[in-house]
């Protein structure tokens, strides 16, 4: 089984992104930067994808809660912003529904506020939009999107241009699948007899995306100038790291192929008969963020992140295509 057969064509998305690049000043990174003098305002927008559909299908299962989707929404946006080193400032949300009677909207908002608290720094939800569209959605269906803004001094801005041959890639462990690849996950589950599904599966699959804002900001404060790139591992899996390298075609990530997949990943891979190449193209495989750091600082940065409660391992390095 693969992502394309379940309804998502990653190549088609890559082609769209290439066309989109002709209409925008910059599309390579994880968040957009707007020049305001000495600082950049950094913004990102995102959603939760078809993880919403998995929730709707199994919302009555033990341990499943709609508030987790609100945390997911914050994480998908703020984890992108933190890839630039920016400190998040505020958040807006968008909810579209068939009717408010069929959706626990306040539960979603509660989850958003929980996610913002997990970012630290008293980040407020300052506004949003609720759209009731009965012609577009079936009863009980809904969609959510979020928009966040952060700020960073230009001298501290991280965009990948400092990445060099020999840099080390440190992988920070995920809390599961996060919020990507759920079209394929749902297809896999639909083909498994209900009696063969393990207890707690849906609670595990709907565990919210891990927020990395606090540990990343603390790590950057302690190791200024030694972090050359930060990649949020979302849709497209490990290929997200390529977005940091931009047009420097002489550099490439060299992966050690030892991502810490959990039993949950193994379960989906086994029952979906998904090969390793497809797993790496679609899922995070246990790594939620990759921090690209100076080789001489890798051990110290690893210790700092571990002291902040993260599980870290060296997942690769930056190599040169041209050998001197």
C-alpha atoms as a PDB file:
ATOM      1  CA  UNK A   1       0.000   0.000   0.000  1.00  0.00           C
ATOM      2  CA  UNK A   2       1.222   3.551  -0.676  1.00  0.00           C
ATOM      3  CA  UNK A   3       0.161   7.172  -0.218  1.00  0.00           C
ATOM      4  CA  UNK A   4      -0.787   7.691  -3.865  1.00  0.00           C
ATOM      5  CA  UNK A   5      -3.146   4.712  -3.906  1.00  0.00           C
ATOM      6  CA  UNK A   6      -4.856   6.028  -0.764  1.00  0.00           C
ATOM      7  CA  UNK A   7      -5.533   9.365  -2.484  1.00  0.00           C
ATOM      8  CA  UNK A   8      -2.487  11.627  -1.942  1.00  0.00           C
ATOM      9  CA  UNK A   9       0.068  12.132  -4.738  1.00  0.00           C
ATOM     10  CA  UNK A  10       3.260  13.666  -3.292  1.00  0.00           C
ATOM     11  CA  UNK A  11       4.709  14.203  -6.772  1.00  0.00           C
ATOM     12  CA  UNK A  12       1.644  16.206  -7.753  1.00  0.00           C
ATOM     13  CA  UNK A  13       2.157  18.327  -4.633  1.00  0.00           C
ATOM     14  CA  UNK A  14       5.824  18.901  -5.510  1.00  0.00           C
ATOM     15  CA  UNK A  15       4.828  20.086  -8.995  1.00  0.00           C
ATOM     16  CA  UNK A  16       2.262  22.461  -7.479  1.00  0.00           C
ATOM     17  CA  UNK A  17       4.884  23.865  -5.087  1.00  0.00           C
ATOM     18  CA  UNK A  18       7.266  24.468  -7.990  1.00  0.00           C
ATOM     19  CA  UNK A  19       4.570  26.433  -9.832  1.00  0.00           C
ATOM     20  CA  UNK A  20       3.650  28.299  -6.652  1.00  0.00           C
ATOM     21  CA  UNK A  21       7.275  29.412  -6.223  1.00  0.00           C
ATOM     22  CA  UNK A  22       6.887  31.582  -9.326  1.00  0.00           C
ATOM     23  CA  UNK A  23       4.146  33.576  -7.619  1.00  0.00           C
ATOM     24  CA  UNK A  24       5.774  34.112  -4.193  1.00  0.00           C
ATOM     25  CA  UNK A  25       9.061  35.749  -3.122  1.00  0.00           C
ATOM     26  CA  UNK A  26      10.236  32.688  -1.162  1.00  0.00           C
ATOM     27  CA  UNK A  27       8.733  29.261  -0.538  1.00  0.00           C
ATOM     28  CA  UNK A  28      11.663  27.184   0.683  1.00  0.00           C
ATOM     29  CA  UNK A  29      11.443  27.319   4.460  1.00  0.00           C
ATOM     30  CA  UNK A  30       8.866  26.504   7.089  1.00  0.00           C
ATOM     31  CA  UNK A  31       7.566  30.012   7.812  1.00  0.00           C
ATOM     32  CA  UNK A  32       7.466  33.349   6.013  1.00  0.00           C
ATOM     33  CA  UNK A  33       9.575  36.288   7.224  1.00  0.00           C
ATOM     34  CA  UNK A  34       8.535  39.953   6.894  1.00  0.00           C
ATOM     35  CA  UNK A  35      11.139  42.678   7.356  1.00  0.00           C
ATOM     36  CA  UNK A  36      10.212  45.273  10.011  1.00  0.00           C
ATOM     37  CA  UNK A  37      13.631  46.869  10.503  1.00  0.00           C
ATOM     38  CA  UNK A  38      15.901  45.206  13.038  1.00  0.00           C
ATOM     39  CA  UNK A  39      13.581  42.206  13.306  1.00  0.00           C
ATOM     40  CA  UNK A  40      11.546  39.821  11.196  1.00  0.00           C
ATOM     41  CA  UNK A  41       7.912  39.022  11.810  1.00  0.00           C
ATOM     42  CA  UNK A  42       7.564  35.308  11.078  1.00  0.00           C
ATOM     43  CA  UNK A  43       4.230  33.722  10.177  1.00  0.00           C
ATOM     44  CA  UNK A  44       2.842  30.279   9.426  1.00  0.00           C
ATOM     45  CA  UNK A  45      -0.551  28.759   8.730  1.00  0.00           C
ATOM     46  CA  UNK A  46      -1.603  25.107   8.767  1.00  0.00           C
ATOM     47  CA  UNK A  47      -4.315  22.596   9.545  1.00  0.00           C
ATOM     48  CA  UNK A  48      -4.639  19.095  10.946  1.00  0.00           C
ATOM     49  CA  UNK A  49      -5.571  17.258   7.740  1.00  0.00           C
ATOM     50  CA  UNK A  50      -7.558  14.031   7.693  1.00  0.00           C
ATOM     51  CA  UNK A  51      -6.674  13.322  11.304  1.00  0.00           C
ATOM     52  CA  UNK A  52      -9.997  15.125  11.827  1.00  0.00           C
ATOM     53  CA  UNK A  53     -11.748  12.338   9.926  1.00  0.00           C
ATOM     54  CA  UNK A  54     -10.118   9.660  12.076  1.00  0.00           C
ATOM     55  CA  UNK A  55     -11.367  11.554  15.144  1.00  0.00           C
ATOM     56  CA  UNK A  56     -14.920  11.720  13.755  1.00  0.00           C
ATOM     57  CA  UNK A  57     -14.907   8.004  12.977  1.00  0.00           C
ATOM     58  CA  UNK A  58     -13.634   6.951  16.412  1.00  0.00           C
ATOM     59  CA  UNK A  59     -14.505   9.840  18.741  1.00  0.00           C
ATOM     60  CA  UNK A  60     -16.375   7.524  21.109  1.00  0.00           C
ATOM     61  CA  UNK A  61     -13.336   5.301  21.708  1.00  0.00           C
ATOM     62  CA  UNK A  62     -11.743   5.462  25.201  1.00  0.00           C
ATOM     63  CA  UNK A  63      -9.146   8.207  25.587  1.00  0.00           C
ATOM     64  CA  UNK A  64     -10.120  10.077  22.410  1.00  0.00           C
ATOM     65  CA  UNK A  65     -10.834  13.794  22.881  1.00  0.00           C
ATOM     66  CA  UNK A  66     -11.483  16.680  20.500  1.00  0.00           C
ATOM     67  CA  UNK A  67      -9.255  18.967  22.577  1.00  0.00           C
ATOM     68  CA  UNK A  68      -6.221  17.071  21.294  1.00  0.00           C
ATOM     69  CA  UNK A  69      -7.008  18.361  17.797  1.00  0.00           C
ATOM     70  CA  UNK A  70      -6.702  21.916  19.114  1.00  0.00           C
ATOM     71  CA  UNK A  71      -3.251  21.060  20.479  1.00  0.00           C
ATOM     72  CA  UNK A  72      -2.396  19.541  17.091  1.00  0.00           C
ATOM     73  CA  UNK A  73      -3.379  22.774  15.368  1.00  0.00           C
ATOM     74  CA  UNK A  74      -1.146  24.925  17.554  1.00  0.00           C
ATOM     75  CA  UNK A  75       1.761  22.501  17.173  1.00  0.00           C
ATOM     76  CA  UNK A  76       1.565  22.358  13.387  1.00  0.00           C
ATOM     77  CA  UNK A  77       1.809  26.154  13.203  1.00  0.00           C
ATOM     78  CA  UNK A  78       4.175  26.971  16.066  1.00  0.00           C
ATOM     79  CA  UNK A  79       6.598  24.124  15.312  1.00  0.00           C
ATOM     80  CA  UNK A  80       7.021  25.684  11.862  1.00  0.00           C
ATOM     81  CA  UNK A  81       7.628  29.150  13.297  1.00  0.00           C
ATOM     82  CA  UNK A  82      10.241  27.851  15.735  1.00  0.00           C
ATOM     83  CA  UNK A  83      12.243  26.469  12.783  1.00  0.00           C
ATOM     84  CA  UNK A  84      13.421  30.055  12.214  1.00  0.00           C
ATOM     85  CA  UNK A  85      14.304  30.571  15.875  1.00  0.00           C
ATOM     86  CA  UNK A  86      11.439  33.066  16.247  1.00  0.00           C
ATOM     87  CA  UNK A  87       9.522  33.462  19.494  1.00  0.00           C
ATOM     88  CA  UNK A  88       5.760  32.971  18.911  1.00  0.00           C
ATOM     89  CA  UNK A  89       3.639  36.035  19.721  1.00  0.00           C
ATOM     90  CA  UNK A  90      -0.024  35.216  19.008  1.00  0.00           C
ATOM     91  CA  UNK A  91      -2.416  32.806  17.302  1.00  0.00           C
ATOM     92  CA  UNK A  92      -5.658  32.934  15.288  1.00  0.00           C
ATOM     93  CA  UNK A  93      -7.972  30.042  14.415  1.00  0.00           C
ATOM     94  CA  UNK A  94     -10.555  29.147  11.800  1.00  0.00           C
ATOM     95  CA  UNK A  95     -13.376  26.621  12.280  1.00  0.00           C
ATOM     96  CA  UNK A  96     -15.768  25.570   9.520  1.00  0.00           C
ATOM     97  CA  UNK A  97     -18.732  23.302  10.317  1.00  0.00           C
ATOM     98  CA  UNK A  98     -22.021  21.959   9.030  1.00  0.00           C
ATOM     99  CA  UNK A  99     -23.629  23.282  12.212  1.00  0.00           C
ATOM    100  CA  UNK A 100     -22.423  24.154  15.691  1.00  0.00           C
ATOM    101  CA  UNK A 101     -24.820  21.610  17.184  1.00  0.00           C
ATOM    102  CA  UNK A 102     -22.784  18.730  15.778  1.00  0.00           C
ATOM    103  CA  UNK A 103     -19.287  19.835  16.886  1.00  0.00           C
ATOM    104  CA  UNK A 104     -17.797  20.561  20.306  1.00  0.00           C
ATOM    105  CA  UNK A 105     -16.319  23.900  19.231  1.00  0.00           C
ATOM    106  CA  UNK A 106     -15.422  24.902  22.790  1.00  0.00           C
ATOM    107  CA  UNK A 107     -13.507  21.664  23.181  1.00  0.00           C
ATOM    108  CA  UNK A 108     -11.372  22.631  20.179  1.00  0.00           C
ATOM    109  CA  UNK A 109     -10.768  26.103  21.625  1.00  0.00           C
ATOM    110  CA  UNK A 110      -9.831  24.571  24.972  1.00  0.00           C
ATOM    111  CA  UNK A 111      -7.283  22.424  23.156  1.00  0.00           C
ATOM    112  CA  UNK A 112      -5.888  25.454  21.326  1.00  0.00           C
ATOM    113  CA  UNK A 113      -5.408  27.288  24.612  1.00  0.00           C
ATOM    114  CA  UNK A 114      -3.749  24.215  26.127  1.00  0.00           C
ATOM    115  CA  UNK A 115      -1.377  24.070  23.168  1.00  0.00           C
ATOM    116  CA  UNK A 116      -0.523  27.754  23.538  1.00  0.00           C
ATOM    117  CA  UNK A 117       0.261  27.240  27.223  1.00  0.00           C
ATOM    118  CA  UNK A 118       2.594  24.397  26.267  1.00  0.00           C
ATOM    119  CA  UNK A 119       4.515  26.917  24.131  1.00  0.00           C
ATOM    120  CA  UNK A 120       5.215  29.073  27.201  1.00  0.00           C
ATOM    121  CA  UNK A 121       5.339  32.863  27.248  1.00  0.00           C
ATOM    122  CA  UNK A 122       1.582  33.567  27.632  1.00  0.00           C
ATOM    123  CA  UNK A 123       0.826  33.388  23.908  1.00  0.00           C
ATOM    124  CA  UNK A 124      -2.785  34.508  23.351  1.00  0.00           C
ATOM    125  CA  UNK A 125      -5.503  33.315  20.999  1.00  0.00           C
ATOM    126  CA  UNK A 126      -6.453  36.807  19.809  1.00  0.00           C
ATOM    127  CA  UNK A 127      -9.114  36.063  17.232  1.00  0.00           C
ATOM    128  CA  UNK A 128     -10.562  33.730  14.650  1.00  0.00           C
ATOM    129  CA  UNK A 129     -13.474  32.873  12.408  1.00  0.00           C
ATOM    130  CA  UNK A 130     -16.305  30.354  12.641  1.00  0.00           C
ATOM    131  CA  UNK A 131     -18.015  29.514   9.364  1.00  0.00           C
ATOM    132  CA  UNK A 132     -21.267  27.530   9.217  1.00  0.00           C
ATOM    133  CA  UNK A 133     -21.476  25.897   5.785  1.00  0.00           C
ATOM    134  CA  UNK A 134     -24.226  23.294   5.691  1.00  0.00           C
ATOM    135  CA  UNK A 135     -23.978  22.974   1.900  1.00  0.00           C
ATOM    136  CA  UNK A 136     -20.276  22.031   2.071  1.00  0.00           C
ATOM    137  CA  UNK A 137     -20.105  19.666   5.072  1.00  0.00           C
ATOM    138  CA  UNK A 138     -22.169  16.715   6.205  1.00  0.00           C
ATOM    139  CA  UNK A 139     -23.672  16.745   9.693  1.00  0.00           C
ATOM    140  CA  UNK A 140     -20.886  16.430  12.272  1.00  0.00           C
ATOM    141  CA  UNK A 141     -18.070  17.175   9.790  1.00  0.00           C
ATOM    142  CA  UNK A 142     -15.746  20.108  10.344  1.00  0.00           C
ATOM    143  CA  UNK A 143     -12.335  21.534   9.493  1.00  0.00           C
ATOM    144  CA  UNK A 144      -9.895  23.711  11.416  1.00  0.00           C
ATOM    145  CA  UNK A 145      -6.953  25.904  10.480  1.00  0.00           C
ATOM    146  CA  UNK A 146      -4.579  28.079  12.457  1.00  0.00           C
ATOM    147  CA  UNK A 147      -2.359  31.100  11.874  1.00  0.00           C
ATOM    148  CA  UNK A 148       0.500  32.220  14.086  1.00  0.00           C
ATOM    149  CA  UNK A 149       3.008  35.056  14.200  1.00  0.00           C
ATOM    150  CA  UNK A 150       6.398  35.235  15.883  1.00  0.00           C
ATOM    151  CA  UNK A 151       9.335  37.639  15.918  1.00  0.00           C
ATOM    152  CA  UNK A 152      13.105  37.373  15.855  1.00  0.00           C
ATOM    153  CA  UNK A 153      16.082  39.685  15.557  1.00  0.00           C
ATOM    154  CA  UNK A 154      17.638  39.459  12.099  1.00  0.00           C
ATOM    155  CA  UNK A 155      21.029  38.499  13.558  1.00  0.00           C
ATOM    156  CA  UNK A 156      19.487  35.372  15.119  1.00  0.00           C
ATOM    157  CA  UNK A 157      17.286  34.346  12.189  1.00  0.00           C
ATOM    158  CA  UNK A 158      17.753  30.704  11.090  1.00  0.00           C
ATOM    159  CA  UNK A 159      17.029  29.884   7.453  1.00  0.00           C
ATOM    160  CA  UNK A 160      19.503  27.130   6.600  1.00  0.00           C
ATOM    161  CA  UNK A 161      22.020  29.328   4.783  1.00  0.00           C
ATOM    162  CA  UNK A 162      24.643  28.580   7.455  1.00  0.00           C
ATOM    163  CA  UNK A 163      24.438  24.801   6.887  1.00  0.00           C
ATOM    164  CA  UNK A 164      27.786  23.367   5.835  1.00  0.00           C
ATOM    165  CA  UNK A 165      29.500  20.102   5.013  1.00  0.00           C
ATOM    166  CA  UNK A 166      30.061  18.078   8.184  1.00  0.00           C
ATOM    167  CA  UNK A 167      27.134  19.473  10.170  1.00  0.00           C
ATOM    168  CA  UNK A 168      25.328  16.912  12.323  1.00  0.00           C
ATOM    169  CA  UNK A 169      21.592  16.166  12.133  1.00  0.00           C
ATOM    170  CA  UNK A 170      20.035  15.610  15.561  1.00  0.00           C
ATOM    171  CA  UNK A 171      16.593  14.027  15.597  1.00  0.00           C
ATOM    172  CA  UNK A 172      14.166  14.895  18.406  1.00  0.00           C
ATOM    173  CA  UNK A 173      11.643  12.150  19.111  1.00  0.00           C
ATOM    174  CA  UNK A 174       7.996  12.561  18.081  1.00  0.00           C
ATOM    175  CA  UNK A 175       4.896  11.655  20.075  1.00  0.00           C
ATOM    176  CA  UNK A 176       3.653   9.437  17.263  1.00  0.00           C
ATOM    177  CA  UNK A 177       2.444  10.200  13.746  1.00  0.00           C
ATOM    178  CA  UNK A 178       1.727  13.844  14.705  1.00  0.00           C
ATOM    179  CA  UNK A 179      -0.683  15.217  12.040  1.00  0.00           C
ATOM    180  CA  UNK A 180       0.484  13.808   8.717  1.00  0.00           C
ATOM    181  CA  UNK A 181      -0.114  10.680   6.674  1.00  0.00           C
ATOM    182  CA  UNK A 182      -3.581  10.019   8.084  1.00  0.00           C
ATOM    183  CA  UNK A 183      -5.149   9.365   4.694  1.00  0.00           C
ATOM    184  CA  UNK A 184      -2.864   6.341   4.403  1.00  0.00           C
ATOM    185  CA  UNK A 185      -3.329   5.390   8.081  1.00  0.00           C
ATOM    186  CA  UNK A 186      -7.117   5.419   7.707  1.00  0.00           C
ATOM    187  CA  UNK A 187      -6.864   3.244   4.599  1.00  0.00           C
ATOM    188  CA  UNK A 188      -4.701   0.728   6.454  1.00  0.00           C
ATOM    189  CA  UNK A 189      -7.097   0.567   9.408  1.00  0.00           C
ATOM    190  CA  UNK A 190     -10.141   0.161   7.162  1.00  0.00           C
ATOM    191  CA  UNK A 191      -8.677  -3.112   5.855  1.00  0.00           C
ATOM    192  CA  UNK A 192      -8.099  -4.649   9.315  1.00  0.00           C
ATOM    193  CA  UNK A 193     -10.888  -6.673  10.968  1.00  0.00           C
ATOM    194  CA  UNK A 194     -12.102  -4.823  14.067  1.00  0.00           C
ATOM    195  CA  UNK A 195     -11.272  -7.783  16.341  1.00  0.00           C
ATOM    196  CA  UNK A 196      -7.612  -7.524  15.273  1.00  0.00           C
ATOM    197  CA  UNK A 197      -7.266  -3.876  16.318  1.00  0.00           C
ATOM    198  CA  UNK A 198      -5.285  -3.540  19.580  1.00  0.00           C
ATOM    199  CA  UNK A 199      -6.757  -1.848  22.635  1.00  0.00           C
ATOM    200  CA  UNK A 200      -5.919   1.838  22.820  1.00  0.00           C
ATOM    201  CA  UNK A 201      -5.051   2.102  19.113  1.00  0.00           C
ATOM    202  CA  UNK A 202      -7.209   5.156  18.453  1.00  0.00           C
ATOM    203  CA  UNK A 203      -6.095   6.931  21.595  1.00  0.00           C
ATOM    204  CA  UNK A 204      -2.498   6.425  20.416  1.00  0.00           C
ATOM    205  CA  UNK A 205      -3.208   7.496  16.829  1.00  0.00           C
ATOM    206  CA  UNK A 206      -4.966  10.641  18.075  1.00  0.00           C
ATOM    207  CA  UNK A 207      -2.212  11.601  20.524  1.00  0.00           C
ATOM    208  CA  UNK A 208      -1.515  15.279  19.806  1.00  0.00           C
ATOM    209  CA  UNK A 209       1.528  16.544  17.946  1.00  0.00           C
ATOM    210  CA  UNK A 210       4.426  17.293  20.276  1.00  0.00           C
ATOM    211  CA  UNK A 211       5.225  20.980  20.795  1.00  0.00           C
ATOM    212  CA  UNK A 212       8.936  21.815  20.570  1.00  0.00           C
ATOM    213  CA  UNK A 213       8.780  25.579  21.161  1.00  0.00           C
ATOM    214  CA  UNK A 214      10.062  25.724  24.739  1.00  0.00           C
ATOM    215  CA  UNK A 215      13.004  23.303  24.384  1.00  0.00           C
ATOM    216  CA  UNK A 216      14.097  24.745  21.036  1.00  0.00           C
ATOM    217  CA  UNK A 217      14.055  28.333  22.333  1.00  0.00           C
ATOM    218  CA  UNK A 218      15.976  27.324  25.456  1.00  0.00           C
ATOM    219  CA  UNK A 219      18.509  25.400  23.393  1.00  0.00           C
ATOM    220  CA  UNK A 220      19.009  28.296  20.970  1.00  0.00           C
ATOM    221  CA  UNK A 221      19.549  30.724  23.844  1.00  0.00           C
ATOM    222  CA  UNK A 222      22.338  28.538  25.222  1.00  0.00           C
ATOM    223  CA  UNK A 223      24.009  27.659  21.904  1.00  0.00           C
ATOM    224  CA  UNK A 224      23.792  30.853  19.847  1.00  0.00           C
ATOM    225  CA  UNK A 225      25.192  30.602  16.343  1.00  0.00           C
ATOM    226  CA  UNK A 226      25.797  26.845  16.530  1.00  0.00           C
ATOM    227  CA  UNK A 227      22.403  25.769  15.160  1.00  0.00           C
ATOM    228  CA  UNK A 228      22.448  26.140  11.386  1.00  0.00           C
ATOM    229  CA  UNK A 229      19.029  24.772  10.506  1.00  0.00           C
ATOM    230  CA  UNK A 230      15.835  23.392  12.056  1.00  0.00           C
ATOM    231  CA  UNK A 231      13.389  21.170  10.170  1.00  0.00           C
ATOM    232  CA  UNK A 232       9.858  20.250  11.244  1.00  0.00           C
ATOM    233  CA  UNK A 233       9.288  16.681  10.015  1.00  0.00           C
ATOM    234  CA  UNK A 234       5.723  16.719   8.708  1.00  0.00           C
ATOM    235  CA  UNK A 235       4.186  15.736   5.358  1.00  0.00           C
ATOM    236  CA  UNK A 236       6.900  14.353   3.103  1.00  0.00           C
ATOM    237  CA  UNK A 237       8.833  12.850   6.015  1.00  0.00           C
ATOM    238  CA  UNK A 238      12.592  13.218   5.946  1.00  0.00           C
ATOM    239  CA  UNK A 239      12.484  15.218   2.680  1.00  0.00           C
ATOM    240  CA  UNK A 240      11.569  18.239   4.819  1.00  0.00           C
ATOM    241  CA  UNK A 241      15.275  18.619   5.616  1.00  0.00           C
ATOM    242  CA  UNK A 242      15.926  19.297   1.912  1.00  0.00           C
ATOM    243  CA  UNK A 243      13.890  22.497   2.210  1.00  0.00           C
ATOM    244  CA  UNK A 244      16.623  24.016   4.395  1.00  0.00           C
ATOM    245  CA  UNK A 245      19.389  23.462   1.881  1.00  0.00           C
ATOM    246  CA  UNK A 246      17.630  25.496  -0.797  1.00  0.00           C
ATOM    247  CA  UNK A 247      19.603  25.978  -3.989  1.00  0.00           C
ATOM    248  CA  UNK A 248      22.975  24.847  -2.612  1.00  0.00           C
ATOM    249  CA  UNK A 249      22.984  21.694  -4.708  1.00  0.00           C
ATOM    250  CA  UNK A 250      26.462  20.774  -3.478  1.00  0.00           C
ATOM    251  CA  UNK A 251      25.070  19.853  -0.049  1.00  0.00           C
ATOM    252  CA  UNK A 252      22.860  16.897   0.798  1.00  0.00           C
ATOM    253  CA  UNK A 253      21.561  15.180   3.927  1.00  0.00           C
ATOM    254  CA  UNK A 254      23.134  11.787   4.570  1.00  0.00           C
ATOM    255  CA  UNK A 255      20.756   9.706   6.666  1.00  0.00           C
ATOM    256  CA  UNK A 256      21.907   6.926   8.991  1.00  0.00           C
ATOM    257  CA  UNK A 257      18.536   5.125   8.630  1.00  0.00           C
ATOM    258  CA  UNK A 258      18.044   4.600  12.347  1.00  0.00           C
ATOM    259  CA  UNK A 259      14.932   6.596  13.153  1.00  0.00           C
ATOM    260  CA  UNK A 260      13.320   5.293  16.373  1.00  0.00           C
ATOM    261  CA  UNK A 261      10.037   3.927  15.019  1.00  0.00           C
ATOM    262  CA  UNK A 262       7.697   2.743  17.768  1.00  0.00           C
ATOM    263  CA  UNK A 263       5.383  -0.268  17.825  1.00  0.00           C
ATOM    264  CA  UNK A 264       2.634   2.013  16.493  1.00  0.00           C
ATOM    265  CA  UNK A 265       4.606   2.739  13.316  1.00  0.00           C
ATOM    266  CA  UNK A 266       5.470  -0.945  12.965  1.00  0.00           C
ATOM    267  CA  UNK A 267       1.791  -1.882  13.290  1.00  0.00           C
ATOM    268  CA  UNK A 268       0.727   0.456  10.461  1.00  0.00           C
ATOM    269  CA  UNK A 269       3.664  -0.565   8.272  1.00  0.00           C
ATOM    270  CA  UNK A 270       3.058  -4.284   8.749  1.00  0.00           C
ATOM    271  CA  UNK A 271      -0.712  -4.251   8.240  1.00  0.00           C
ATOM    272  CA  UNK A 272      -0.463  -1.856   5.299  1.00  0.00           C
ATOM    273  CA  UNK A 273       2.421  -3.752   3.695  1.00  0.00           C
ATOM    274  CA  UNK A 274       4.232  -0.401   3.339  1.00  0.00           C
ATOM    275  CA  UNK A 275       7.877  -0.544   2.292  1.00  0.00           C
ATOM    276  CA  UNK A 276      10.640   1.435   4.017  1.00  0.00           C
ATOM    277  CA  UNK A 277      11.004   3.958   1.204  1.00  0.00           C
ATOM    278  CA  UNK A 278       7.299   4.819   1.368  1.00  0.00           C
ATOM    279  CA  UNK A 279       7.399   5.051   5.180  1.00  0.00           C
ATOM    280  CA  UNK A 280      10.226   7.607   4.955  1.00  0.00           C
ATOM    281  CA  UNK A 281       8.390   9.585   2.273  1.00  0.00           C
ATOM    282  CA  UNK A 282       5.114   9.829   4.204  1.00  0.00           C
ATOM    283  CA  UNK A 283       5.707   9.637   7.974  1.00  0.00           C
ATOM    284  CA  UNK A 284       8.047  11.136  10.568  1.00  0.00           C
ATOM    285  CA  UNK A 285       9.011   7.604  11.739  1.00  0.00           C
ATOM    286  CA  UNK A 286       9.573   8.723  15.317  1.00  0.00           C
ATOM    287  CA  UNK A 287      11.430  11.995  14.608  1.00  0.00           C
ATOM    288  CA  UNK A 288       9.402  15.204  14.975  1.00  0.00           C
ATOM    289  CA  UNK A 289      12.187  17.730  14.469  1.00  0.00           C
ATOM    290  CA  UNK A 290      15.693  17.656  13.012  1.00  0.00           C
ATOM    291  CA  UNK A 291      18.206  20.195  14.294  1.00  0.00           C
ATOM    292  CA  UNK A 292      21.265  20.708  12.082  1.00  0.00           C
ATOM    293  CA  UNK A 293      24.200  21.809  14.209  1.00  0.00           C
ATOM    294  CA  UNK A 294      27.905  22.486  14.098  1.00  0.00           C
ATOM    295  CA  UNK A 295      29.782  19.193  14.379  1.00  0.00           C
ATOM    296  CA  UNK A 296      31.860  20.334  17.363  1.00  0.00           C
ATOM    297  CA  UNK A 297      28.742  21.387  19.291  1.00  0.00           C
ATOM    298  CA  UNK A 298      26.602  18.298  18.632  1.00  0.00           C
ATOM    299  CA  UNK A 299      27.328  16.554  21.935  1.00  0.00           C
ATOM    300  CA  UNK A 300      26.713  19.670  24.032  1.00  0.00           C
ATOM    301  CA  UNK A 301      23.471  20.477  22.208  1.00  0.00           C
ATOM    302  CA  UNK A 302      22.295  16.892  22.641  1.00  0.00           C
ATOM    303  CA  UNK A 303      22.919  17.095  26.383  1.00  0.00           C
ATOM    304  CA  UNK A 304      21.051  20.399  26.597  1.00  0.00           C
ATOM    305  CA  UNK A 305      18.002  19.006  24.808  1.00  0.00           C
ATOM    306  CA  UNK A 306      18.039  15.889  26.980  1.00  0.00           C
ATOM    307  CA  UNK A 307      18.183  18.030  30.123  1.00  0.00           C
ATOM    308  CA  UNK A 308      15.091  19.826  28.760  1.00  0.00           C
ATOM    309  CA  UNK A 309      13.257  16.489  28.614  1.00  0.00           C
ATOM    310  CA  UNK A 310      13.723  15.578  24.953  1.00  0.00           C
ATOM    311  CA  UNK A 311      14.926  12.266  23.554  1.00  0.00           C
ATOM    312  CA  UNK A 312      17.611  12.929  20.947  1.00  0.00           C
ATOM    313  CA  UNK A 313      19.726  10.847  18.613  1.00  0.00           C
ATOM    314  CA  UNK A 314      22.114  11.515  15.761  1.00  0.00           C
ATOM    315  CA  UNK A 315      20.131  10.624  12.639  1.00  0.00           C
ATOM    316  CA  UNK A 316      22.483  11.859   9.938  1.00  0.00           C
ATOM    317  CA  UNK A 317      24.928  14.450   8.711  1.00  0.00           C
ATOM    318  CA  UNK A 318      25.312  17.005   5.957  1.00  0.00           C
ATOM    319  CA  UNK A 319      27.610  15.836   3.183  1.00  0.00           C
ATOM    320  CA  UNK A 320      29.101  17.354   0.079  1.00  0.00           C
ATOM    321  CA  UNK A 321      28.335  16.038  -3.389  1.00  0.00           C
ATOM    322  CA  UNK A 322      31.688  17.339  -4.599  1.00  0.00           C
ATOM    323  CA  UNK A 323      34.696  15.857  -2.822  1.00  0.00           C
ATOM    324  CA  UNK A 324      37.890  17.916  -2.828  1.00  0.00           C
END
